[in-house]
Amino acid sequence: MPSLIFLAVFPAALMVAAANDLYDFKIPNWISLALIVSYALAGIVLGAPLASMVEGILLGCAVLAVGFGLFAAKLLGGGDAKLLAATAPWIGLAEFFNFAFTMVIAGGVLTLFLLLFRKMPILPVYAHANWILRMHENRKDLPYGVAIAAGGLLTFDSTPYFQIAFGG
């Protein structure tokens, strides 16, 4: 049972990250930290093979390096890069392509939706939700944490820890 609590951190953290990114265009560092710490704890409690855990950490480091490159090129936000790197160990190398593909598709749908939404006139109802107003008026930023969360949540059942916990 405790292993399932640590396993539940992954989808919960992704949903909180997506909500924060939508609301404020920021992903707090504690979310990425919670993902990394819970990855290690879940691996220990689930009895994951050490090689699998190390592979996940190395994947996360590689994704962080690429993410910071994308951040330096102004193609990805810093919080998005950290969230992506903290998500990568959970996904694992074998499923990373499926995750990345799903994330990119979700990002494309999100981008199209925001482009259409931002072309619409500002409605009076937006005044009751400041975050919607910010989303409408901020023409250059994209809350990509939503796409990262979608990719992670849609591929969660294929992740190594999920397979260990529920068999597969």
N, C-alpha and C. Protein backbone atom coordinates (compact mmCIF):
# COMPACT_ATOMS: atom_id res chain seq x y z
N MET A 1 0.80 -1.21 0.00
CA MET A 1 0.00 0.00 0.00
C MET A 1 0.85 1.27 0.00
N PRO A 2 1.93 1.37 0.80
CA PRO A 2 2.74 2.60 0.76
C PRO A 2 3.33 2.85 -0.63
N SER A 3 3.62 1.78 -1.37
CA SER A 3 4.18 1.96 -2.70
C SER A 3 3.19 2.67 -3.62
N LEU A 4 1.91 2.40 -3.42
CA LEU A 4 0.89 3.05 -4.25
C LEU A 4 0.78 4.54 -3.92
N ILE A 5 1.07 4.90 -2.67
CA ILE A 5 1.06 6.31 -2.29
C ILE A 5 2.17 7.04 -3.04
N PHE A 6 3.37 6.44 -3.07
CA PHE A 6 4.47 7.07 -3.81
C PHE A 6 4.18 7.08 -5.30
N LEU A 7 3.55 6.03 -5.79
CA LEU A 7 3.20 5.95 -7.21
C LEU A 7 2.17 7.02 -7.58
N ALA A 8 1.29 7.35 -6.66
CA ALA A 8 0.26 8.36 -6.92
C ALA A 8 0.82 9.77 -7.02
N VAL A 9 2.04 9.97 -6.54
CA VAL A 9 2.65 11.30 -6.61
C VAL A 9 2.82 11.72 -8.07
N PHE A 10 3.14 10.78 -8.94
CA PHE A 10 3.40 11.11 -10.34
C PHE A 10 2.20 11.79 -11.01
N PRO A 11 1.03 11.16 -11.06
CA PRO A 11 -0.10 11.85 -11.71
C PRO A 11 -0.53 13.10 -10.94
N ALA A 12 -0.48 13.06 -9.62
CA ALA A 12 -0.90 14.23 -8.84
C ALA A 12 0.02 15.42 -9.12
N ALA A 13 1.32 15.18 -9.13
CA ALA A 13 2.28 16.27 -9.39
C ALA A 13 2.11 16.83 -10.80
N LEU A 14 1.86 15.97 -11.77
CA LEU A 14 1.66 16.45 -13.14
C LEU A 14 0.40 17.32 -13.24
N MET A 15 -0.65 16.93 -12.56
CA MET A 15 -1.89 17.72 -12.61
C MET A 15 -1.70 19.07 -11.91
N VAL A 16 -0.97 19.09 -10.80
CA VAL A 16 -0.71 20.35 -10.11
C VAL A 16 0.18 21.25 -10.97
N ALA A 17 1.18 20.65 -11.63
CA ALA A 17 2.06 21.43 -12.51
C ALA A 17 1.27 22.04 -13.66
N ALA A 18 0.40 21.26 -14.27
CA ALA A 18 -0.42 21.77 -15.38
C ALA A 18 -1.32 22.91 -14.91
N ALA A 19 -1.94 22.74 -13.76
CA ALA A 19 -2.82 23.78 -13.23
C ALA A 19 -2.04 25.06 -12.93
N ASN A 20 -0.86 24.92 -12.32
CA ASN A 20 -0.03 26.09 -12.03
C ASN A 20 0.39 26.79 -13.31
N ASP A 21 0.76 26.01 -14.31
CA ASP A 21 1.21 26.61 -15.57
C ASP A 21 0.06 27.33 -16.27
N LEU A 22 -1.12 26.76 -16.23
CA LEU A 22 -2.29 27.43 -16.80
C LEU A 22 -2.61 28.72 -16.05
N TYR A 23 -2.56 28.63 -14.74
CA TYR A 23 -2.96 29.76 -13.91
C TYR A 23 -1.95 30.90 -13.92
N ASP A 24 -0.66 30.57 -13.89
CA ASP A 24 0.35 31.61 -13.67
C ASP A 24 1.53 31.55 -14.64
N PHE A 25 1.51 30.65 -15.61
CA PHE A 25 2.63 30.45 -16.53
C PHE A 25 3.92 30.14 -15.77
N LYS A 26 3.80 29.46 -14.64
CA LYS A 26 4.96 29.07 -13.84
C LYS A 26 4.73 27.68 -13.28
N ILE A 27 5.82 26.92 -13.19
CA ILE A 27 5.77 25.60 -12.56
C ILE A 27 6.73 25.66 -11.37
N PRO A 28 6.20 25.60 -10.15
CA PRO A 28 7.08 25.70 -8.98
C PRO A 28 8.11 24.57 -8.94
N ASN A 29 9.30 24.91 -8.44
CA ASN A 29 10.38 23.93 -8.35
C ASN A 29 10.04 22.75 -7.45
N TRP A 30 9.19 22.97 -6.44
CA TRP A 30 8.89 21.90 -5.51
C TRP A 30 8.19 20.73 -6.21
N ILE A 31 7.50 21.01 -7.30
CA ILE A 31 6.81 19.93 -8.02
C ILE A 31 7.84 18.99 -8.65
N SER A 32 8.84 19.56 -9.32
CA SER A 32 9.89 18.73 -9.92
C SER A 32 10.67 17.99 -8.84
N LEU A 33 10.94 18.65 -7.74
CA LEU A 33 11.65 18.01 -6.63
C LEU A 33 10.82 16.85 -6.06
N ALA A 34 9.52 17.06 -5.91
CA ALA A 34 8.64 15.99 -5.41
C ALA A 34 8.65 14.80 -6.37
N LEU A 35 8.68 15.06 -7.66
CA LEU A 35 8.73 13.96 -8.63
C LEU A 35 10.03 13.16 -8.51
N ILE A 36 11.15 13.84 -8.35
CA ILE A 36 12.43 13.15 -8.25
C ILE A 36 12.52 12.34 -6.96
N VAL A 37 12.15 12.96 -5.84
CA VAL A 37 12.23 12.26 -4.54
C VAL A 37 11.27 11.07 -4.53
N SER A 38 10.06 11.27 -5.01
CA SER A 38 9.09 10.17 -5.00
C SER A 38 9.49 9.07 -5.98
N TYR A 39 10.20 9.43 -7.06
CA TYR A 39 10.70 8.41 -7.99
C TYR A 39 11.64 7.46 -7.25
N ALA A 40 12.56 8.04 -6.49
CA ALA A 40 13.52 7.21 -5.75
C ALA A 40 12.81 6.38 -4.69
N LEU A 41 11.93 7.01 -3.93
CA LEU A 41 11.22 6.29 -2.86
C LEU A 41 10.31 5.20 -3.43
N ALA A 42 9.60 5.50 -4.49
CA ALA A 42 8.72 4.49 -5.10
C ALA A 42 9.54 3.32 -5.61
N GLY A 43 10.69 3.60 -6.21
CA GLY A 43 11.54 2.53 -6.70
C GLY A 43 12.01 1.61 -5.58
N ILE A 44 12.38 2.21 -4.46
CA ILE A 44 12.83 1.41 -3.31
C ILE A 44 11.68 0.58 -2.75
N VAL A 45 10.54 1.22 -2.54
CA VAL A 45 9.39 0.53 -1.93
C VAL A 45 8.84 -0.54 -2.87
N LEU A 46 8.84 -0.27 -4.16
CA LEU A 46 8.33 -1.26 -5.12
C LEU A 46 9.32 -2.38 -5.38
N GLY A 47 10.56 -2.18 -4.99
CA GLY A 47 11.59 -3.18 -5.26
C GLY A 47 12.03 -3.18 -6.71
N ALA A 48 12.05 -2.00 -7.31
CA ALA A 48 12.46 -1.88 -8.71
C ALA A 48 13.94 -2.26 -8.84
N PRO A 49 14.33 -2.87 -9.94
CA PRO A 49 15.75 -3.20 -10.14
C PRO A 49 16.60 -1.92 -10.13
N LEU A 50 17.76 -2.03 -9.52
CA LEU A 50 18.66 -0.88 -9.43
C LEU A 50 19.01 -0.36 -10.82
N ALA A 51 19.20 -1.24 -11.77
CA ALA A 51 19.54 -0.82 -13.14
C ALA A 51 18.44 0.04 -13.73
N SER A 52 17.20 -0.30 -13.45
CA SER A 52 16.07 0.48 -13.95
C SER A 52 16.03 1.86 -13.31
N MET A 53 16.31 1.92 -12.03
CA MET A 53 16.32 3.21 -11.33
C MET A 53 17.44 4.11 -11.84
N VAL A 54 18.62 3.52 -12.02
CA VAL A 54 19.76 4.29 -12.52
C VAL A 54 19.50 4.76 -13.95
N GLU A 55 18.93 3.89 -14.77
CA GLU A 55 18.58 4.26 -16.15
C GLU A 55 17.64 5.47 -16.15
N GLY A 56 16.66 5.46 -15.26
CA GLY A 56 15.72 6.58 -15.17
C GLY A 56 16.41 7.88 -14.78
N ILE A 57 17.31 7.81 -13.81
CA ILE A 57 18.03 9.01 -13.38
C ILE A 57 18.92 9.53 -14.51
N LEU A 58 19.60 8.63 -15.21
CA LEU A 58 20.44 9.06 -16.34
C LEU A 58 19.60 9.68 -17.46
N LEU A 59 18.43 9.11 -17.71
CA LEU A 59 17.53 9.68 -18.71
C LEU A 59 17.09 11.07 -18.28
N GLY A 60 16.76 11.23 -17.01
CA GLY A 60 16.37 12.54 -16.50
C GLY A 60 17.48 13.57 -16.66
N CYS A 61 18.73 13.16 -16.40
CA CYS A 61 19.87 14.07 -16.57
C CYS A 61 20.03 14.47 -18.04
N ALA A 62 19.90 13.51 -18.94
CA ALA A 62 20.02 13.80 -20.38
C ALA A 62 18.90 14.75 -20.83
N VAL A 63 17.69 14.50 -20.36
CA VAL A 63 16.56 15.36 -20.73
C VAL A 63 16.74 16.76 -20.15
N LEU A 64 17.31 16.84 -18.95
CA LEU A 64 17.56 18.15 -18.35
C LEU A 64 18.57 18.94 -19.19
N ALA A 65 19.61 18.27 -19.66
CA ALA A 65 20.62 18.95 -20.50
C ALA A 65 19.97 19.47 -21.80
N VAL A 66 19.18 18.62 -22.43
CA VAL A 66 18.49 19.04 -23.66
C VAL A 66 17.49 20.16 -23.35
N GLY A 67 16.78 20.02 -22.23
CA GLY A 67 15.80 21.03 -21.84
C GLY A 67 16.45 22.38 -21.59
N PHE A 68 17.60 22.38 -20.95
CA PHE A 68 18.28 23.66 -20.72
C PHE A 68 18.78 24.26 -22.03
N GLY A 69 19.14 23.41 -22.98
CA GLY A 69 19.50 23.91 -24.31
C GLY A 69 18.32 24.57 -24.98
N LEU A 70 17.15 23.93 -24.88
CA LEU A 70 15.93 24.51 -25.44
C LEU A 70 15.53 25.79 -24.70
N PHE A 71 15.80 25.82 -23.39
CA PHE A 71 15.54 27.04 -22.62
C PHE A 71 16.47 28.17 -23.07
N ALA A 72 17.74 27.85 -23.27
CA ALA A 72 18.70 28.87 -23.72
C ALA A 72 18.32 29.41 -25.10
N ALA A 73 17.74 28.55 -25.93
CA ALA A 73 17.29 28.97 -27.26
C ALA A 73 15.91 29.63 -27.22
N LYS A 74 15.36 29.77 -26.02
CA LYS A 74 14.04 30.38 -25.81
C LYS A 74 12.91 29.60 -26.49
N LEU A 75 13.08 28.28 -26.54
CA LEU A 75 12.05 27.42 -27.11
C LEU A 75 11.21 26.72 -26.05
N LEU A 76 11.69 26.77 -24.80
CA LEU A 76 11.02 26.09 -23.70
C LEU A 76 11.29 26.89 -22.44
N GLY A 77 10.31 26.96 -21.56
CA GLY A 77 10.50 27.66 -20.29
C GLY A 77 11.36 26.85 -19.34
N GLY A 78 11.94 27.51 -18.36
CA GLY A 78 12.79 26.83 -17.39
C GLY A 78 12.02 25.83 -16.55
N GLY A 79 10.82 26.21 -16.13
CA GLY A 79 9.98 25.28 -15.36
C GLY A 79 9.57 24.08 -16.18
N ASP A 80 9.30 24.31 -17.47
CA ASP A 80 8.95 23.21 -18.37
C ASP A 80 10.12 22.24 -18.52
N ALA A 81 11.34 22.79 -18.65
CA ALA A 81 12.53 21.95 -18.80
C ALA A 81 12.74 21.10 -17.55
N LYS A 82 12.57 21.71 -16.38
CA LYS A 82 12.75 20.96 -15.13
C LYS A 82 11.65 19.91 -14.95
N LEU A 83 10.41 20.27 -15.28
CA LEU A 83 9.32 19.30 -15.17
C LEU A 83 9.53 18.13 -16.13
N LEU A 84 9.96 18.43 -17.33
CA LEU A 84 10.23 17.38 -18.31
C LEU A 84 11.32 16.43 -17.82
N ALA A 85 12.38 17.01 -17.25
CA ALA A 85 13.48 16.19 -16.73
C ALA A 85 13.05 15.36 -15.52
N ALA A 86 12.17 15.91 -14.69
CA ALA A 86 11.69 15.17 -13.52
C ALA A 86 10.67 14.10 -13.90
N THR A 87 10.03 14.27 -15.03
CA THR A 87 9.06 13.30 -15.53
C THR A 87 9.75 12.13 -16.22
N ALA A 88 10.86 12.41 -16.88
CA ALA A 88 11.56 11.39 -17.69
C ALA A 88 11.91 10.12 -16.93
N PRO A 89 12.45 10.18 -15.71
CA PRO A 89 12.77 8.92 -15.02
C PRO A 89 11.54 8.03 -14.81
N TRP A 90 10.42 8.65 -14.51
CA TRP A 90 9.19 7.88 -14.31
C TRP A 90 8.78 7.16 -15.60
N ILE A 91 8.98 7.82 -16.73
CA ILE A 91 8.56 7.26 -18.02
C ILE A 91 9.45 6.10 -18.42
N GLY A 92 10.75 6.27 -18.23
CA GLY A 92 11.71 5.23 -18.61
C GLY A 92 12.09 5.33 -20.08
N LEU A 93 13.25 4.78 -20.37
CA LEU A 93 13.80 4.87 -21.72
C LEU A 93 12.94 4.15 -22.75
N ALA A 94 12.41 2.99 -22.39
CA ALA A 94 11.63 2.20 -23.34
C ALA A 94 10.35 2.90 -23.79
N GLU A 95 9.76 3.70 -22.92
CA GLU A 95 8.50 4.37 -23.24
C GLU A 95 8.68 5.85 -23.56
N PHE A 96 9.91 6.33 -23.57
CA PHE A 96 10.12 7.77 -23.72
C PHE A 96 9.66 8.28 -25.08
N PHE A 97 9.84 7.49 -26.14
CA PHE A 97 9.38 7.93 -27.46
C PHE A 97 7.87 8.10 -27.48
N ASN A 98 7.14 7.13 -26.91
CA ASN A 98 5.67 7.23 -26.86
C ASN A 98 5.24 8.45 -26.06
N PHE A 99 5.92 8.69 -24.93
CA PHE A 99 5.63 9.86 -24.12
C PHE A 99 5.89 11.14 -24.91
N ALA A 100 7.05 11.22 -25.56
CA ALA A 100 7.41 12.43 -26.31
C ALA A 100 6.42 12.67 -27.44
N PHE A 101 6.05 11.62 -28.14
CA PHE A 101 5.08 11.74 -29.23
C PHE A 101 3.74 12.26 -28.71
N THR A 102 3.26 11.67 -27.62
CA THR A 102 1.99 12.09 -27.03
C THR A 102 2.07 13.53 -26.54
N MET A 103 3.20 13.89 -25.93
CA MET A 103 3.40 15.25 -25.44
C MET A 103 3.39 16.26 -26.60
N VAL A 104 4.06 15.92 -27.69
CA VAL A 104 4.12 16.84 -28.83
C VAL A 104 2.73 17.01 -29.45
N ILE A 105 1.99 15.93 -29.57
CA ILE A 105 0.62 16.03 -30.10
C ILE A 105 -0.24 16.90 -29.18
N ALA A 106 -0.14 16.67 -27.88
CA ALA A 106 -0.90 17.48 -26.92
C ALA A 106 -0.47 18.94 -27.00
N GLY A 107 0.82 19.18 -27.17
CA GLY A 107 1.31 20.55 -27.31
C GLY A 107 0.79 21.21 -28.57
N GLY A 108 0.69 20.47 -29.65
CA GLY A 108 0.14 21.01 -30.89
C GLY A 108 -1.32 21.37 -30.75
N VAL A 109 -2.08 20.49 -30.12
CA VAL A 109 -3.51 20.77 -29.90
C VAL A 109 -3.67 21.99 -28.99
N LEU A 110 -2.85 22.05 -27.94
CA LEU A 110 -2.89 23.19 -27.02
C LEU A 110 -2.56 24.50 -27.75
N THR A 111 -1.55 24.45 -28.59
CA THR A 111 -1.15 25.64 -29.35
C THR A 111 -2.26 26.10 -30.28
N LEU A 112 -2.86 25.18 -31.01
CA LEU A 112 -3.96 25.54 -31.90
C LEU A 112 -5.13 26.13 -31.12
N PHE A 113 -5.47 25.52 -30.01
CA PHE A 113 -6.55 26.03 -29.18
C PHE A 113 -6.25 27.45 -28.71
N LEU A 114 -5.03 27.67 -28.21
CA LEU A 114 -4.69 29.00 -27.72
C LEU A 114 -4.64 30.04 -28.83
N LEU A 115 -4.17 29.65 -30.00
CA LEU A 115 -4.17 30.59 -31.12
C LEU A 115 -5.59 31.03 -31.47
N LEU A 116 -6.50 30.08 -31.51
CA LEU A 116 -7.90 30.41 -31.79
C LEU A 116 -8.51 31.23 -30.65
N PHE A 117 -8.23 30.83 -29.42
CA PHE A 117 -8.77 31.52 -28.25
C PHE A 117 -8.28 32.97 -28.20
N ARG A 118 -7.01 33.18 -28.52
CA ARG A 118 -6.44 34.53 -28.45
C ARG A 118 -6.89 35.43 -29.59
N LYS A 119 -7.44 34.85 -30.65
CA LYS A 119 -7.99 35.65 -31.75
C LYS A 119 -9.42 36.11 -31.46
N MET A 120 -10.06 35.43 -30.51
CA MET A 120 -11.43 35.80 -30.15
C MET A 120 -11.40 37.11 -29.36
N PRO A 121 -12.49 37.87 -29.42
CA PRO A 121 -12.54 39.10 -28.61
C PRO A 121 -12.61 38.76 -27.12
N ILE A 122 -12.15 39.69 -26.30
CA ILE A 122 -12.21 39.51 -24.85
C ILE A 122 -13.67 39.63 -24.42
N LEU A 123 -14.14 38.63 -23.74
CA LEU A 123 -15.53 38.61 -23.27
C LEU A 123 -15.61 39.13 -21.84
N PRO A 124 -16.71 39.74 -21.47
CA PRO A 124 -16.84 40.27 -20.10
C PRO A 124 -16.69 39.20 -19.02
N VAL A 125 -17.02 37.97 -19.33
CA VAL A 125 -16.92 36.90 -18.34
C VAL A 125 -15.46 36.65 -17.92
N TYR A 126 -14.50 37.02 -18.78
CA TYR A 126 -13.09 36.85 -18.45
C TYR A 126 -12.68 37.65 -17.22
N ALA A 127 -13.39 38.74 -16.95
CA ALA A 127 -13.06 39.60 -15.81
C ALA A 127 -13.21 38.85 -14.48
N HIS A 128 -13.98 37.77 -14.47
CA HIS A 128 -14.20 37.00 -13.25
C HIS A 128 -13.11 35.95 -13.02
N ALA A 129 -12.28 35.74 -13.99
CA ALA A 129 -11.19 34.77 -13.87
C ALA A 129 -9.92 35.39 -14.46
N ASN A 130 -9.10 35.95 -13.61
CA ASN A 130 -7.90 36.64 -14.06
C ASN A 130 -6.96 35.73 -14.86
N TRP A 131 -6.93 34.45 -14.50
CA TRP A 131 -6.02 33.56 -15.22
C TRP A 131 -6.44 33.39 -16.67
N ILE A 132 -7.74 33.42 -16.93
CA ILE A 132 -8.22 33.32 -18.32
C ILE A 132 -7.85 34.59 -19.08
N LEU A 133 -7.97 35.72 -18.41
CA LEU A 133 -7.58 36.99 -19.02
C LEU A 133 -6.09 36.98 -19.36
N ARG A 134 -5.25 36.49 -18.42
CA ARG A 134 -3.80 36.40 -18.69
C ARG A 134 -3.53 35.46 -19.86
N MET A 135 -4.25 34.36 -19.91
CA MET A 135 -4.07 33.40 -21.00
C MET A 135 -4.44 34.04 -22.34
N HIS A 136 -5.46 34.85 -22.34
CA HIS A 136 -5.91 35.51 -23.56
C HIS A 136 -4.94 36.60 -24.00
N GLU A 137 -4.45 37.37 -23.05
CA GLU A 137 -3.62 38.53 -23.38
C GLU A 137 -2.16 38.19 -23.61
N ASN A 138 -1.67 37.12 -23.04
CA ASN A 138 -0.26 36.75 -23.18
C ASN A 138 -0.07 36.03 -24.51
N ARG A 139 0.32 36.76 -25.51
CA ARG A 139 0.38 36.23 -26.88
C ARG A 139 1.62 35.39 -27.16
N LYS A 140 2.65 35.48 -26.34
CA LYS A 140 3.88 34.78 -26.69
C LYS A 140 4.14 33.52 -25.87
N ASP A 141 3.56 33.41 -24.68
CA ASP A 141 3.84 32.26 -23.83
C ASP A 141 2.84 31.13 -24.06
N LEU A 142 3.32 29.93 -23.83
CA LEU A 142 2.50 28.73 -23.97
C LEU A 142 2.69 27.90 -22.71
N PRO A 143 1.63 27.54 -22.00
CA PRO A 143 1.78 26.73 -20.79
C PRO A 143 2.07 25.27 -21.16
N TYR A 144 3.33 25.01 -21.56
CA TYR A 144 3.67 23.68 -22.07
C TYR A 144 3.66 22.61 -20.98
N GLY A 145 3.60 23.04 -19.72
CA GLY A 145 3.44 22.07 -18.64
C GLY A 145 2.17 21.25 -18.81
N VAL A 146 1.18 21.83 -19.46
CA VAL A 146 -0.07 21.11 -19.73
C VAL A 146 0.19 19.95 -20.69
N ALA A 147 0.99 20.19 -21.72
CA ALA A 147 1.32 19.14 -22.69
C ALA A 147 2.20 18.06 -22.05
N ILE A 148 3.15 18.48 -21.21
CA ILE A 148 4.00 17.51 -20.51
C ILE A 148 3.13 16.63 -19.61
N ALA A 149 2.21 17.26 -18.89
CA ALA A 149 1.31 16.51 -18.02
C ALA A 149 0.44 15.55 -18.82
N ALA A 150 -0.10 16.01 -19.95
CA ALA A 150 -0.93 15.14 -20.78
C ALA A 150 -0.13 13.94 -21.27
N GLY A 151 1.09 14.18 -21.74
CA GLY A 151 1.93 13.08 -22.19
C GLY A 151 2.21 12.09 -21.08
N GLY A 152 2.53 12.61 -19.90
CA GLY A 152 2.81 11.73 -18.76
C GLY A 152 1.60 10.94 -18.30
N LEU A 153 0.47 11.61 -18.22
CA LEU A 153 -0.74 10.93 -17.76
C LEU A 153 -1.23 9.88 -18.76
N LEU A 154 -1.11 10.19 -20.03
CA LEU A 154 -1.59 9.24 -21.05
C LEU A 154 -0.67 8.04 -21.23
N THR A 155 0.58 8.14 -20.80
CA THR A 155 1.50 7.01 -20.91
C THR A 155 1.84 6.39 -19.56
N PHE A 156 1.21 6.86 -18.50
CA PHE A 156 1.52 6.41 -17.14
C PHE A 156 1.39 4.90 -16.98
N ASP A 157 0.38 4.31 -17.60
CA ASP A 157 0.16 2.87 -17.43
C ASP A 157 1.23 2.02 -18.11
N SER A 158 2.09 2.63 -18.91
CA SER A 158 3.17 1.89 -19.56
C SER A 158 4.51 2.08 -18.87
N THR A 159 4.54 2.89 -17.83
CA THR A 159 5.81 3.19 -17.16
C THR A 159 6.31 1.98 -16.37
N PRO A 160 7.62 1.91 -16.17
CA PRO A 160 8.18 0.75 -15.45
C PRO A 160 7.58 0.56 -14.05
N TYR A 161 7.44 1.62 -13.27
CA TYR A 161 6.92 1.48 -11.91
C TYR A 161 5.46 1.04 -11.91
N PHE A 162 4.69 1.56 -12.83
CA PHE A 162 3.28 1.15 -12.92
C PHE A 162 3.21 -0.34 -13.23
N GLN A 163 4.07 -0.79 -14.16
CA GLN A 163 4.08 -2.21 -14.52
C GLN A 163 4.51 -3.08 -13.35
N ILE A 164 5.47 -2.60 -12.55
CA ILE A 164 5.89 -3.36 -11.37
C ILE A 164 4.75 -3.44 -10.37
N ALA A 165 4.06 -2.32 -10.14
CA ALA A 165 3.01 -2.26 -9.13
C ALA A 165 1.78 -3.08 -9.52
N PHE A 166 1.42 -3.04 -10.79
CA PHE A 166 0.18 -3.67 -11.21
C PHE A 166 0.37 -4.85 -12.15
N GLY A 167 1.60 -5.19 -12.44
CA GLY A 167 1.88 -6.31 -13.33
C GLY A 167 1.55 -5.97 -14.76
N GLY A 168 2.27 -6.53 -15.65
CA GLY A 168 1.97 -6.18 -17.03
C GLY A 168 2.82 -6.86 -18.03
